Amino acid sequence: MRALPLFLGLAACQEPFSVNRHELGPTRIAAIGVVDGVASAALWSGVGLYHDERPTLEWTLDGAPLGEGYDVVVPAEGGLLGLRVITPEGSELLAEVTAQEAPIAPPIVTRAAVDLSGDLDLDARRKVFAESVNGSVPEGKAARLTLSGDGVDGLTWRWMRAAGLGSLLELDPGVADVLAEDIVFDDGVLVSRTPTGPGLYPQLALGLDGLGGNRWIWVDAAIGVTTPLLRHEGRLVPADAEAPPGLVAGTVVLTDDLVGLTLTDVAPATEDDIAGTFLPCAPTPGAPFRLAWLAEGRCVRADLDGARVVLEVE
């Protein structure tokens, strides 16, 4: 997917955040921009990478109404793109960015297991051996997430952890270590390390170029997870079976965690699967399902509960 991503520096129009800006705590607009010519936003629900009720999105360009919802086209000449979100609870969130064309391909996400049981300073972490993994790292190890691809090196990357789960330590541009620990520093000095247990640890990576042409990607780290995980657009999808790259079919079962779902009866998608897949929330009938639709609020979990979906896996 080619994108024209644009970004607002952490929704600066809102009142000061009640949490560290490196954490996704209460509901917020984490980023806005243009993807494939359409106004887009990374909307954190405050509970996980899903929404149970649709937010209302109202877009403006140079202060004039542009449209509502998820398929609002932004003119190529750009301008000041604004977003007003009304949450299901009735709260108002505001953000804006200077929209300009900045075609950047989606980053490629790679994962590695690293032993960070010792010193956590930058030099020490750069020296540890990183063993490549496709899904989860073993319990007791940390997950190193690396973004690569066209345009990645030219951006300044900022990482945010979902719901303050685990610990996130940035390493190099586009590289961060995720630990299944609650790590406390006091004026740069390590005070304590408390294990938080195995599981999926979602992150949001924001790439800024300083000119308004930036991008974002949701990325999952898995630590000590023994069930199968399907790789999908930077995400790791819990499933009951492995599957080869390509289109995969699975039945959605809702879960009470940050991911919000798992897939059962997983198998390579057949022609009948592809022809029979229909989600009313999809922008195009019959289009393969994307977890991004759930994270941004285009789809809510009720749309997916028990549904047979087709998605593309790596």
C-alpha atoms as a PDB file:
ATOM      1  CA  MET A   1       0.000   0.000   0.000  1.00  0.00           C
ATOM      2  CA  ARG A   2       1.375   3.413  -0.939  1.00  0.00           C
ATOM      3  CA  ALA A   3       0.531   6.192   1.457  1.00  0.00           C
ATOM      4  CA  LEU A   4       0.595   9.947   1.782  1.00  0.00           C
ATOM      5  CA  PRO A   5       0.947   9.963   5.544  1.00  0.00           C
ATOM      6  CA  LEU A   6       0.730  13.151   7.525  1.00  0.00           C
ATOM      7  CA  PHE A   7       0.952  13.596  11.226  1.00  0.00           C
ATOM      8  CA  LEU A   8       0.009  15.896  14.017  1.00  0.00           C
ATOM      9  CA  GLY A   9       2.555  15.963  16.802  1.00  0.00           C
ATOM     10  CA  LEU A  10       0.514  14.033  19.360  1.00  0.00           C
ATOM     11  CA  ALA A  11      -2.674  16.057  19.029  1.00  0.00           C
ATOM     12  CA  ALA A  12      -1.270  19.315  20.392  1.00  0.00           C
ATOM     13  CA  CYS A  13      -4.650  21.061  20.237  1.00  0.00           C
ATOM     14  CA  GLN A  14      -5.892  19.137  23.221  1.00  0.00           C
ATOM     15  CA  GLU A  15      -5.378  20.006  26.861  1.00  0.00           C
ATOM     16  CA  PRO A  16      -2.173  18.643  28.453  1.00  0.00           C
ATOM     17  CA  PHE A  17      -2.147  14.875  28.693  1.00  0.00           C
ATOM     18  CA  SER A  18      -2.657  13.184  32.058  1.00  0.00           C
ATOM     19  CA  VAL A  19      -0.101  10.516  31.139  1.00  0.00           C
ATOM     20  CA  ASN A  20       3.392  10.419  29.661  1.00  0.00           C
ATOM     21  CA  ARG A  21       3.227  11.029  25.911  1.00  0.00           C
ATOM     22  CA  HIS A  22       5.184   7.815  25.369  1.00  0.00           C
ATOM     23  CA  GLU A  23       2.183   5.913  26.712  1.00  0.00           C
ATOM     24  CA  LEU A  24      -1.256   5.372  25.239  1.00  0.00           C
ATOM     25  CA  GLY A  25      -3.499   5.855  28.252  1.00  0.00           C
ATOM     26  CA  PRO A  26      -6.918   7.547  27.948  1.00  0.00           C
ATOM     27  CA  THR A  27      -8.730   7.807  24.603  1.00  0.00           C
ATOM     28  CA  ARG A  28      -6.816  10.060  22.221  1.00  0.00           C
ATOM     29  CA  ILE A  29      -5.974  10.996  18.664  1.00  0.00           C
ATOM     30  CA  ALA A  30      -2.442   9.644  18.339  1.00  0.00           C
ATOM     31  CA  ALA A  31      -1.948  10.747  14.714  1.00  0.00           C
ATOM     32  CA  ILE A  32      -3.825  12.111  11.721  1.00  0.00           C
ATOM     33  CA  GLY A  33      -2.899  12.256   8.086  1.00  0.00           C
ATOM     34  CA  VAL A  34      -3.629  11.100   4.571  1.00  0.00           C
ATOM     35  CA  VAL A  35      -3.317   7.498   3.384  1.00  0.00           C
ATOM     36  CA  ASP A  36      -3.817   6.879  -0.329  1.00  0.00           C
ATOM     37  CA  GLY A  37      -5.431  10.298  -0.670  1.00  0.00           C
ATOM     38  CA  VAL A  38      -7.931   9.695   2.160  1.00  0.00           C
ATOM     39  CA  ALA A  39      -8.000  11.436   5.554  1.00  0.00           C
ATOM     40  CA  SER A  40      -6.916   8.910   8.204  1.00  0.00           C
ATOM     41  CA  ALA A  41      -6.283   8.783  11.927  1.00  0.00           C
ATOM     42  CA  ALA A  42      -4.732   6.546  14.561  1.00  0.00           C
ATOM     43  CA  LEU A  43      -7.436   6.613  17.233  1.00  0.00           C
ATOM     44  CA  TRP A  44      -6.558   4.959  20.525  1.00  0.00           C
ATOM     45  CA  SER A  45      -9.743   3.749  22.248  1.00  0.00           C
ATOM     46  CA  GLY A  46      -8.243   3.771  25.728  1.00  0.00           C
ATOM     47  CA  VAL A  47      -8.842   0.027  26.208  1.00  0.00           C
ATOM     48  CA  GLY A  48      -7.072  -1.778  23.376  1.00  0.00           C
ATOM     49  CA  LEU A  49      -6.422  -1.918  19.651  1.00  0.00           C
ATOM     50  CA  TYR A  50     -10.142  -2.067  18.972  1.00  0.00           C
ATOM     51  CA  HIS A  51     -13.342  -0.068  19.438  1.00  0.00           C
ATOM     52  CA  ASP A  52     -16.630  -1.387  20.801  1.00  0.00           C
ATOM     53  CA  GLU A  53     -18.536   1.706  19.627  1.00  0.00           C
ATOM     54  CA  ARG A  54     -17.771   3.858  16.599  1.00  0.00           C
ATOM     55  CA  PRO A  55     -16.420   7.342  17.218  1.00  0.00           C
ATOM     56  CA  THR A  56     -17.671  10.243  15.082  1.00  0.00           C
ATOM     57  CA  LEU A  57     -15.038  11.830  12.839  1.00  0.00           C
ATOM     58  CA  GLU A  58     -15.471  15.315  11.369  1.00  0.00           C
ATOM     59  CA  TRP A  59     -12.762  16.543   8.979  1.00  0.00           C
ATOM     60  CA  THR A  60     -11.942  20.104   7.879  1.00  0.00           C
ATOM     61  CA  LEU A  61      -9.479  21.597   5.423  1.00  0.00           C
ATOM     62  CA  ASP A  62      -8.285  25.154   6.050  1.00  0.00           C
ATOM     63  CA  GLY A  63     -11.158  25.479   8.528  1.00  0.00           C
ATOM     64  CA  ALA A  64     -13.886  24.512   6.034  1.00  0.00           C
ATOM     65  CA  PRO A  65     -15.890  21.262   6.389  1.00  0.00           C
ATOM     66  CA  LEU A  66     -14.358  18.462   4.318  1.00  0.00           C
ATOM     67  CA  GLY A  67     -16.462  15.444   5.287  1.00  0.00           C
ATOM     68  CA  GLU A  68     -17.227  12.869   7.964  1.00  0.00           C
ATOM     69  CA  GLY A  69     -16.099   9.331   8.616  1.00  0.00           C
ATOM     70  CA  TYR A  70     -13.383   7.194   7.097  1.00  0.00           C
ATOM     71  CA  ASP A  71     -13.445   7.746   3.330  1.00  0.00           C
ATOM     72  CA  VAL A  72     -12.958  11.514   3.060  1.00  0.00           C
ATOM     73  CA  VAL A  73     -10.777  12.433   0.084  1.00  0.00           C
ATOM     74  CA  VAL A  74      -8.173  15.170   0.662  1.00  0.00           C
ATOM     75  CA  PRO A  75      -7.400  17.374  -2.370  1.00  0.00           C
ATOM     76  CA  ALA A  76      -3.901  16.890  -3.758  1.00  0.00           C
ATOM     77  CA  GLU A  77      -2.996  20.524  -3.082  1.00  0.00           C
ATOM     78  CA  GLY A  78      -3.440  19.882   0.635  1.00  0.00           C
ATOM     79  CA  GLY A  79      -3.830  22.535   3.322  1.00  0.00           C
ATOM     80  CA  LEU A  80      -4.461  22.566   7.069  1.00  0.00           C
ATOM     81  CA  LEU A  81      -6.191  19.263   7.779  1.00  0.00           C
ATOM     82  CA  GLY A  82      -8.263  19.240  10.973  1.00  0.00           C
ATOM     83  CA  LEU A  83     -10.065  16.463  12.812  1.00  0.00           C
ATOM     84  CA  ARG A  84     -12.769  16.615  15.481  1.00  0.00           C
ATOM     85  CA  VAL A  85     -13.594  13.299  17.130  1.00  0.00           C
ATOM     86  CA  ILE A  86     -16.651  12.745  19.292  1.00  0.00           C
ATOM     87  CA  THR A  87     -16.135   9.633  21.399  1.00  0.00           C
ATOM     88  CA  PRO A  88     -19.005   7.299  22.339  1.00  0.00           C
ATOM     89  CA  GLU A  89     -18.797   8.799  25.833  1.00  0.00           C
ATOM     90  CA  GLY A  90     -19.379  12.282  24.411  1.00  0.00           C
ATOM     91  CA  SER A  91     -15.836  13.637  24.792  1.00  0.00           C
ATOM     92  CA  GLU A  92     -14.366  15.877  22.097  1.00  0.00           C
ATOM     93  CA  LEU A  93     -10.849  15.372  20.722  1.00  0.00           C
ATOM     94  CA  LEU A  94      -9.181  17.830  18.325  1.00  0.00           C
ATOM     95  CA  ALA A  95      -6.114  17.611  16.082  1.00  0.00           C
ATOM     96  CA  GLU A  96      -4.713  19.247  12.962  1.00  0.00           C
ATOM     97  CA  VAL A  97      -1.723  18.987  10.643  1.00  0.00           C
ATOM     98  CA  THR A  98      -0.455  20.766   7.554  1.00  0.00           C
ATOM     99  CA  ALA A  99      -1.281  18.274   4.822  1.00  0.00           C
ATOM    100  CA  GLN A 100       1.278  17.834   2.080  1.00  0.00           C
ATOM    101  CA  GLU A 101       2.174  15.009  -0.238  1.00  0.00           C
ATOM    102  CA  ALA A 102       4.883  12.784   1.187  1.00  0.00           C
ATOM    103  CA  PRO A 103       4.670   9.311  -0.351  1.00  0.00           C
ATOM    104  CA  ILE A 104       6.366   6.893   2.024  1.00  0.00           C
ATOM    105  CA  ALA A 105       5.965   3.129   1.720  1.00  0.00           C
ATOM    106  CA  PRO A 106       4.784   1.277   4.843  1.00  0.00           C
ATOM    107  CA  PRO A 107       7.736   0.199   7.001  1.00  0.00           C
ATOM    108  CA  ILE A 108       8.828  -3.424   7.135  1.00  0.00           C
ATOM    109  CA  VAL A 109       8.772  -4.819  10.688  1.00  0.00           C
ATOM    110  CA  THR A 110      11.335  -7.376  11.838  1.00  0.00           C
ATOM    111  CA  ARG A 111      11.664  -8.913  15.285  1.00  0.00           C
ATOM    112  CA  ALA A 112      14.530 -10.345  17.302  1.00  0.00           C
ATOM    113  CA  ALA A 113      15.049 -11.859  20.749  1.00  0.00           C
ATOM    114  CA  VAL A 114      17.628 -10.139  22.955  1.00  0.00           C
ATOM    115  CA  ASP A 115      18.871 -10.867  26.465  1.00  0.00           C
ATOM    116  CA  LEU A 116      18.484  -7.659  28.460  1.00  0.00           C
ATOM    117  CA  SER A 117      18.765  -9.216  31.896  1.00  0.00           C
ATOM    118  CA  GLY A 118      21.893  -7.152  32.513  1.00  0.00           C
ATOM    119  CA  ASP A 119      22.713  -3.481  31.946  1.00  0.00           C
ATOM    120  CA  LEU A 120      19.968  -1.506  30.174  1.00  0.00           C
ATOM    121  CA  ASP A 121      21.985   1.496  28.978  1.00  0.00           C
ATOM    122  CA  LEU A 122      22.291   2.215  25.258  1.00  0.00           C
ATOM    123  CA  ASP A 123      25.836   0.955  24.768  1.00  0.00           C
ATOM    124  CA  ALA A 124      25.130  -2.304  26.571  1.00  0.00           C
ATOM    125  CA  ARG A 125      21.924  -2.954  24.610  1.00  0.00           C
ATOM    126  CA  ARG A 126      23.647  -2.267  21.292  1.00  0.00           C
ATOM    127  CA  LYS A 127      26.228  -4.970  22.076  1.00  0.00           C
ATOM    128  CA  VAL A 128      23.824  -7.818  22.857  1.00  0.00           C
ATOM    129  CA  PHE A 129      23.249 -10.559  20.310  1.00  0.00           C
ATOM    130  CA  ALA A 130      19.908 -10.263  18.495  1.00  0.00           C
ATOM    131  CA  GLU A 131      18.408 -13.556  17.310  1.00  0.00           C
ATOM    132  CA  SER A 132      15.828 -13.121  14.546  1.00  0.00           C
ATOM    133  CA  VAL A 133      12.309 -14.460  15.234  1.00  0.00           C
ATOM    134  CA  ASN A 134       9.117 -14.512  13.190  1.00  0.00           C
ATOM    135  CA  GLY A 135       6.686 -14.241  16.092  1.00  0.00           C
ATOM    136  CA  SER A 136       7.232 -14.502  19.818  1.00  0.00           C
ATOM    137  CA  VAL A 137      10.522 -14.285  21.681  1.00  0.00           C
ATOM    138  CA  PRO A 138      11.048 -16.764  24.554  1.00  0.00           C
ATOM    139  CA  GLU A 139       9.917 -15.823  28.040  1.00  0.00           C
ATOM    140  CA  GLY A 140      12.767 -14.098  29.839  1.00  0.00           C
ATOM    141  CA  LYS A 141      13.985 -12.362  26.669  1.00  0.00           C
ATOM    142  CA  ALA A 142      13.093  -8.927  25.314  1.00  0.00           C
ATOM    143  CA  ALA A 143      11.633  -8.292  21.856  1.00  0.00           C
ATOM    144  CA  ARG A 144      13.623  -5.984  19.602  1.00  0.00           C
ATOM    145  CA  LEU A 145      11.419  -4.310  16.961  1.00  0.00           C
ATOM    146  CA  THR A 146      13.084  -2.853  13.882  1.00  0.00           C
ATOM    147  CA  LEU A 147      11.471  -0.757  11.154  1.00  0.00           C
ATOM    148  CA  SER A 148      13.088  -0.675   7.713  1.00  0.00           C
ATOM    149  CA  GLY A 149      12.260   0.293   4.154  1.00  0.00           C
ATOM    150  CA  ASP A 150      12.137   3.385   1.936  1.00  0.00           C
ATOM    151  CA  GLY A 151      11.967   6.594   3.942  1.00  0.00           C
ATOM    152  CA  VAL A 152      12.447   5.037   7.401  1.00  0.00           C
ATOM    153  CA  ASP A 153      15.968   6.399   7.881  1.00  0.00           C
ATOM    154  CA  GLY A 154      14.836   9.934   7.028  1.00  0.00           C
ATOM    155  CA  LEU A 155      12.255  10.071   9.817  1.00  0.00           C
ATOM    156  CA  THR A 156      12.470  10.651  13.546  1.00  0.00           C
ATOM    157  CA  TRP A 157      10.662   7.783  15.227  1.00  0.00           C
ATOM    158  CA  ARG A 158       8.732   7.985  18.467  1.00  0.00           C
ATOM    159  CA  TRP A 159       7.364   4.874  20.125  1.00  0.00           C
ATOM    160  CA  MET A 160       4.371   4.543  22.454  1.00  0.00           C
ATOM    161  CA  ARG A 161       3.233   1.518  24.459  1.00  0.00           C
ATOM    162  CA  ALA A 162      -0.422   0.562  24.622  1.00  0.00           C
ATOM    163  CA  ALA A 163      -2.043   0.979  28.044  1.00  0.00           C
ATOM    164  CA  GLY A 164       1.350   1.301  29.743  1.00  0.00           C
ATOM    165  CA  LEU A 165       1.865  -2.469  29.521  1.00  0.00           C
ATOM    166  CA  GLY A 166       5.454  -3.667  29.934  1.00  0.00           C
ATOM    167  CA  SER A 167       8.403  -1.377  29.234  1.00  0.00           C
ATOM    168  CA  LEU A 168       9.623   0.236  26.037  1.00  0.00           C
ATOM    169  CA  LEU A 169      13.236   1.362  25.558  1.00  0.00           C
ATOM    170  CA  GLU A 170      14.126   3.144  22.317  1.00  0.00           C
ATOM    171  CA  LEU A 171      17.513   2.138  20.912  1.00  0.00           C
ATOM    172  CA  ASP A 172      18.249   3.611  17.481  1.00  0.00           C
ATOM    173  CA  PRO A 173      16.096   5.358  14.832  1.00  0.00           C
ATOM    174  CA  GLY A 174      13.287   2.923  14.043  1.00  0.00           C
ATOM    175  CA  VAL A 175      14.488   0.414  16.654  1.00  0.00           C
ATOM    176  CA  ALA A 176      13.040  -0.250  20.125  1.00  0.00           C
ATOM    177  CA  ASP A 177      13.235  -2.942  22.775  1.00  0.00           C
ATOM    178  CA  VAL A 178      10.068  -4.184  24.484  1.00  0.00           C
ATOM    179  CA  LEU A 179      10.366  -5.939  27.836  1.00  0.00           C
ATOM    180  CA  ALA A 180       7.755  -7.912  29.780  1.00  0.00           C
ATOM    181  CA  GLU A 181       8.725  -5.958  32.865  1.00  0.00           C
ATOM    182  CA  ASP A 182       7.669  -2.858  34.734  1.00  0.00           C
ATOM    183  CA  ILE A 183      10.973  -0.965  34.825  1.00  0.00           C
ATOM    184  CA  VAL A 184      11.415   2.081  37.040  1.00  0.00           C
ATOM    185  CA  PHE A 185      14.194   4.636  36.625  1.00  0.00           C
ATOM    186  CA  ASP A 186      14.942   7.533  38.959  1.00  0.00           C
ATOM    187  CA  ASP A 187      16.934  10.299  37.273  1.00  0.00           C
ATOM    188  CA  GLY A 188      18.367   7.768  34.828  1.00  0.00           C
ATOM    189  CA  VAL A 189      19.256   5.224  37.518  1.00  0.00           C
ATOM    190  CA  LEU A 190      17.534   1.824  37.438  1.00  0.00           C
ATOM    191  CA  VAL A 191      15.448   1.397  40.600  1.00  0.00           C
ATOM    192  CA  SER A 192      13.411  -1.772  40.018  1.00  0.00           C
ATOM    193  CA  ARG A 193      12.386  -4.421  37.481  1.00  0.00           C
ATOM    194  CA  THR A 194       9.124  -6.308  38.017  1.00  0.00           C
ATOM    195  CA  PRO A 195       8.015  -9.046  35.560  1.00  0.00           C
ATOM    196  CA  THR A 196       4.640  -8.433  33.920  1.00  0.00           C
ATOM    197  CA  GLY A 197       4.212 -11.893  32.409  1.00  0.00           C
ATOM    198  CA  PRO A 198       4.060 -13.365  28.904  1.00  0.00           C
ATOM    199  CA  GLY A 199       1.737 -11.974  26.262  1.00  0.00           C
ATOM    200  CA  LEU A 200       1.325  -9.551  23.385  1.00  0.00           C
ATOM    201  CA  TYR A 201       2.640  -6.020  23.942  1.00  0.00           C
ATOM    202  CA  PRO A 202       1.248  -3.634  21.262  1.00  0.00           C
ATOM    203  CA  GLN A 203       3.139  -0.449  20.372  1.00  0.00           C
ATOM    204  CA  LEU A 204       2.504   2.558  18.141  1.00  0.00           C
ATOM    205  CA  ALA A 205       5.491   3.857  16.160  1.00  0.00           C
ATOM    206  CA  LEU A 206       5.230   7.424  14.857  1.00  0.00           C
ATOM    207  CA  GLY A 207       7.591   8.669  12.158  1.00  0.00           C
ATOM    208  CA  LEU A 208       8.126  12.430  11.802  1.00  0.00           C
ATOM    209  CA  ASP A 209       9.990  14.265   9.045  1.00  0.00           C
ATOM    210  CA  GLY A 210       9.520  17.739  10.552  1.00  0.00           C
ATOM    211  CA  LEU A 211       7.581  18.975   7.519  1.00  0.00           C
ATOM    212  CA  GLY A 212       4.214  17.275   7.999  1.00  0.00           C
ATOM    213  CA  GLY A 213       4.910  14.272   5.778  1.00  0.00           C
ATOM    214  CA  ASN A 214       5.170  11.423   8.266  1.00  0.00           C
ATOM    215  CA  ARG A 215       3.638   8.032   9.024  1.00  0.00           C
ATOM    216  CA  TRP A 216       2.619   5.654  11.802  1.00  0.00           C
ATOM    217  CA  ILE A 217       2.298   1.915  12.246  1.00  0.00           C
ATOM    218  CA  TRP A 218       0.872  -0.347  14.944  1.00  0.00           C
ATOM    219  CA  VAL A 219       3.423  -3.007  15.913  1.00  0.00           C
ATOM    220  CA  ASP A 220       3.003  -5.986  18.237  1.00  0.00           C
ATOM    221  CA  ALA A 221       5.775  -7.497  20.326  1.00  0.00           C
ATOM    222  CA  ALA A 222       5.177 -11.033  21.621  1.00  0.00           C
ATOM    223  CA  ILE A 223       7.016 -12.351  24.669  1.00  0.00           C
ATOM    224  CA  GLY A 224       6.615 -15.898  25.951  1.00  0.00           C
ATOM    225  CA  VAL A 225       3.616 -16.582  23.692  1.00  0.00           C
ATOM    226  CA  THR A 226       3.347 -20.273  22.794  1.00  0.00           C
ATOM    227  CA  THR A 227       0.184 -20.206  20.651  1.00  0.00           C
ATOM    228  CA  PRO A 228       0.426 -19.600  16.874  1.00  0.00           C
ATOM    229  CA  LEU A 229       0.690 -15.994  15.711  1.00  0.00           C
ATOM    230  CA  LEU A 230      -0.093 -14.748  12.199  1.00  0.00           C
ATOM    231  CA  ARG A 231       1.958 -11.800  10.912  1.00  0.00           C
ATOM    232  CA  HIS A 232      -0.196  -9.052   9.413  1.00  0.00           C
ATOM    233  CA  GLU A 233       0.876  -5.472   8.600  1.00  0.00           C
ATOM    234  CA  GLY A 234       3.166  -5.202  11.623  1.00  0.00           C
ATOM    235  CA  ARG A 235       0.652  -6.949  13.880  1.00  0.00           C
ATOM    236  CA  LEU A 236       0.681 -10.441  15.375  1.00  0.00           C
ATOM    237  CA  VAL A 237      -2.732 -12.141  15.304  1.00  0.00           C
ATOM    238  CA  PRO A 238      -3.384 -14.943  17.821  1.00  0.00           C
ATOM    239  CA  ALA A 239      -4.695 -18.043  16.035  1.00  0.00           C
ATOM    240  CA  ASP A 240      -5.273 -21.755  16.546  1.00  0.00           C
ATOM    241  CA  ALA A 241      -2.954 -22.779  13.712  1.00  0.00           C
ATOM    242  CA  GLU A 242      -0.043 -21.565  11.621  1.00  0.00           C
ATOM    243  CA  ALA A 243      -0.695 -20.522   8.020  1.00  0.00           C
ATOM    244  CA  PRO A 244       1.491 -19.885   4.966  1.00  0.00           C
ATOM    245  CA  PRO A 245       1.865 -16.347   3.581  1.00  0.00           C
ATOM    246  CA  GLY A 246      -1.065 -15.143   1.523  1.00  0.00           C
ATOM    247  CA  LEU A 247      -4.803 -14.947   2.094  1.00  0.00           C
ATOM    248  CA  VAL A 248      -5.934 -16.801   5.204  1.00  0.00           C
ATOM    249  CA  ALA A 249      -9.445 -17.459   6.503  1.00  0.00           C
ATOM    250  CA  GLY A 250     -10.386 -17.644  10.173  1.00  0.00           C
ATOM    251  CA  THR A 251     -13.361 -17.302  12.501  1.00  0.00           C
ATOM    252  CA  VAL A 252     -13.219 -14.381  14.934  1.00  0.00           C
ATOM    253  CA  VAL A 253     -13.556 -15.068  18.654  1.00  0.00           C
ATOM    254  CA  LEU A 254     -13.528 -11.982  20.890  1.00  0.00           C
ATOM    255  CA  THR A 255     -11.058 -11.835  23.796  1.00  0.00           C
ATOM    256  CA  ASP A 256     -10.602  -9.593  26.824  1.00  0.00           C
ATOM    257  CA  ASP A 257      -7.085  -8.325  26.142  1.00  0.00           C
ATOM    258  CA  LEU A 258      -5.406  -5.477  24.261  1.00  0.00           C
ATOM    259  CA  VAL A 259      -5.743  -7.261  20.899  1.00  0.00           C
ATOM    260  CA  GLY A 260      -9.419  -8.045  21.460  1.00  0.00           C
ATOM    261  CA  LEU A 261      -9.734 -11.145  19.278  1.00  0.00           C
ATOM    262  CA  THR A 262      -8.293 -14.438  18.183  1.00  0.00           C
ATOM    263  CA  LEU A 263      -8.841 -16.521  15.041  1.00  0.00           C
ATOM    264  CA  THR A 264     -10.005 -20.142  15.042  1.00  0.00           C
ATOM    265  CA  ASP A 265     -10.405 -22.717  12.273  1.00  0.00           C
ATOM    266  CA  VAL A 266      -7.528 -21.022  10.467  1.00  0.00           C
ATOM    267  CA  ALA A 267      -6.692 -22.270   6.978  1.00  0.00           C
ATOM    268  CA  PRO A 268      -5.569 -20.892   3.610  1.00  0.00           C
ATOM    269  CA  ALA A 269      -8.508 -19.019   2.106  1.00  0.00           C
ATOM    270  CA  THR A 270     -10.500 -20.831  -0.558  1.00  0.00           C
ATOM    271  CA  GLU A 271     -12.387 -19.179  -3.407  1.00  0.00           C
ATOM    272  CA  ASP A 272     -15.581 -19.761  -1.416  1.00  0.00           C
ATOM    273  CA  ASP A 273     -14.039 -18.009   1.601  1.00  0.00           C
ATOM    274  CA  ILE A 274     -13.065 -15.028  -0.504  1.00  0.00           C
ATOM    275  CA  ALA A 275     -16.402 -14.839  -2.333  1.00  0.00           C
ATOM    276  CA  GLY A 276     -18.429 -15.313   0.849  1.00  0.00           C
ATOM    277  CA  THR A 277     -16.625 -12.810   3.056  1.00  0.00           C
ATOM    278  CA  PHE A 278     -18.689  -9.716   3.746  1.00  0.00           C
ATOM    279  CA  LEU A 279     -18.188  -7.175   6.498  1.00  0.00           C
ATOM    280  CA  PRO A 280     -20.568  -4.190   6.445  1.00  0.00           C
ATOM    281  CA  CYS A 281     -17.797  -2.007   7.889  1.00  0.00           C
ATOM    282  CA  ALA A 282     -15.329  -2.769   5.076  1.00  0.00           C
ATOM    283  CA  PRO A 283     -14.603   0.181   2.748  1.00  0.00           C
ATOM    284  CA  THR A 284     -14.910  -2.162  -0.237  1.00  0.00           C
ATOM    285  CA  PRO A 285     -17.251  -5.200  -0.254  1.00  0.00           C
ATOM    286  CA  GLY A 286     -15.253  -8.409  -0.224  1.00  0.00           C
ATOM    287  CA  ALA A 287     -11.971  -6.689   0.629  1.00  0.00           C
ATOM    288  CA  PRO A 288      -9.616  -8.725   2.876  1.00  0.00           C
ATOM    289  CA  PHE A 289      -9.995  -7.749   6.514  1.00  0.00           C
ATOM    290  CA  ARG A 290      -7.357  -5.465   8.060  1.00  0.00           C
ATOM    291  CA  LEU A 291      -6.731  -5.121  11.792  1.00  0.00           C
ATOM    292  CA  ALA A 292      -6.199  -1.407  11.153  1.00  0.00           C
ATOM    293  CA  TRP A 293      -9.972  -1.083  10.612  1.00  0.00           C
ATOM    294  CA  LEU A 294     -10.562  -2.297  14.140  1.00  0.00           C
ATOM    295  CA  ALA A 295      -7.792  -0.158  15.673  1.00  0.00           C
ATOM    296  CA  GLU A 296      -9.074   3.043  14.012  1.00  0.00           C
ATOM    297  CA  GLY A 297     -12.763   2.461  14.745  1.00  0.00           C
ATOM    298  CA  ARG A 298     -13.962   1.840  11.189  1.00  0.00           C
ATOM    299  CA  CYS A 299     -15.055  -1.598  12.416  1.00  0.00           C
ATOM    300  CA  VAL A 300     -16.163  -2.417  15.957  1.00  0.00           C
ATOM    301  CA  ARG A 301     -15.885  -5.801  17.600  1.00  0.00           C
ATOM    302  CA  ALA A 302     -19.615  -6.481  17.248  1.00  0.00           C
ATOM    303  CA  ASP A 303     -19.098  -6.422  13.458  1.00  0.00           C
ATOM    304  CA  LEU A 304     -16.619  -9.286  13.789  1.00  0.00           C
ATOM    305  CA  ASP A 305     -17.950 -11.482  16.579  1.00  0.00           C
ATOM    306  CA  GLY A 306     -18.235 -14.989  15.115  1.00  0.00           C
ATOM    307  CA  ALA A 307     -17.584 -13.769  11.571  1.00  0.00           C
ATOM    308  CA  ARG A 308     -15.513 -15.712   9.069  1.00  0.00           C
ATOM    309  CA  VAL A 309     -12.898 -13.267   7.776  1.00  0.00           C
ATOM    310  CA  VAL A 310     -10.136 -13.347   5.192  1.00  0.00           C
ATOM    311  CA  LEU A 311      -6.923 -11.431   5.815  1.00  0.00           C
ATOM    312  CA  GLU A 312      -3.493 -11.259   4.229  1.00  0.00           C
ATOM    313  CA  VAL A 313      -0.605 -12.638   6.276  1.00  0.00           C
ATOM    314  CA  GLU A 314       3.134 -12.467   5.697  1.00  0.00           C
END
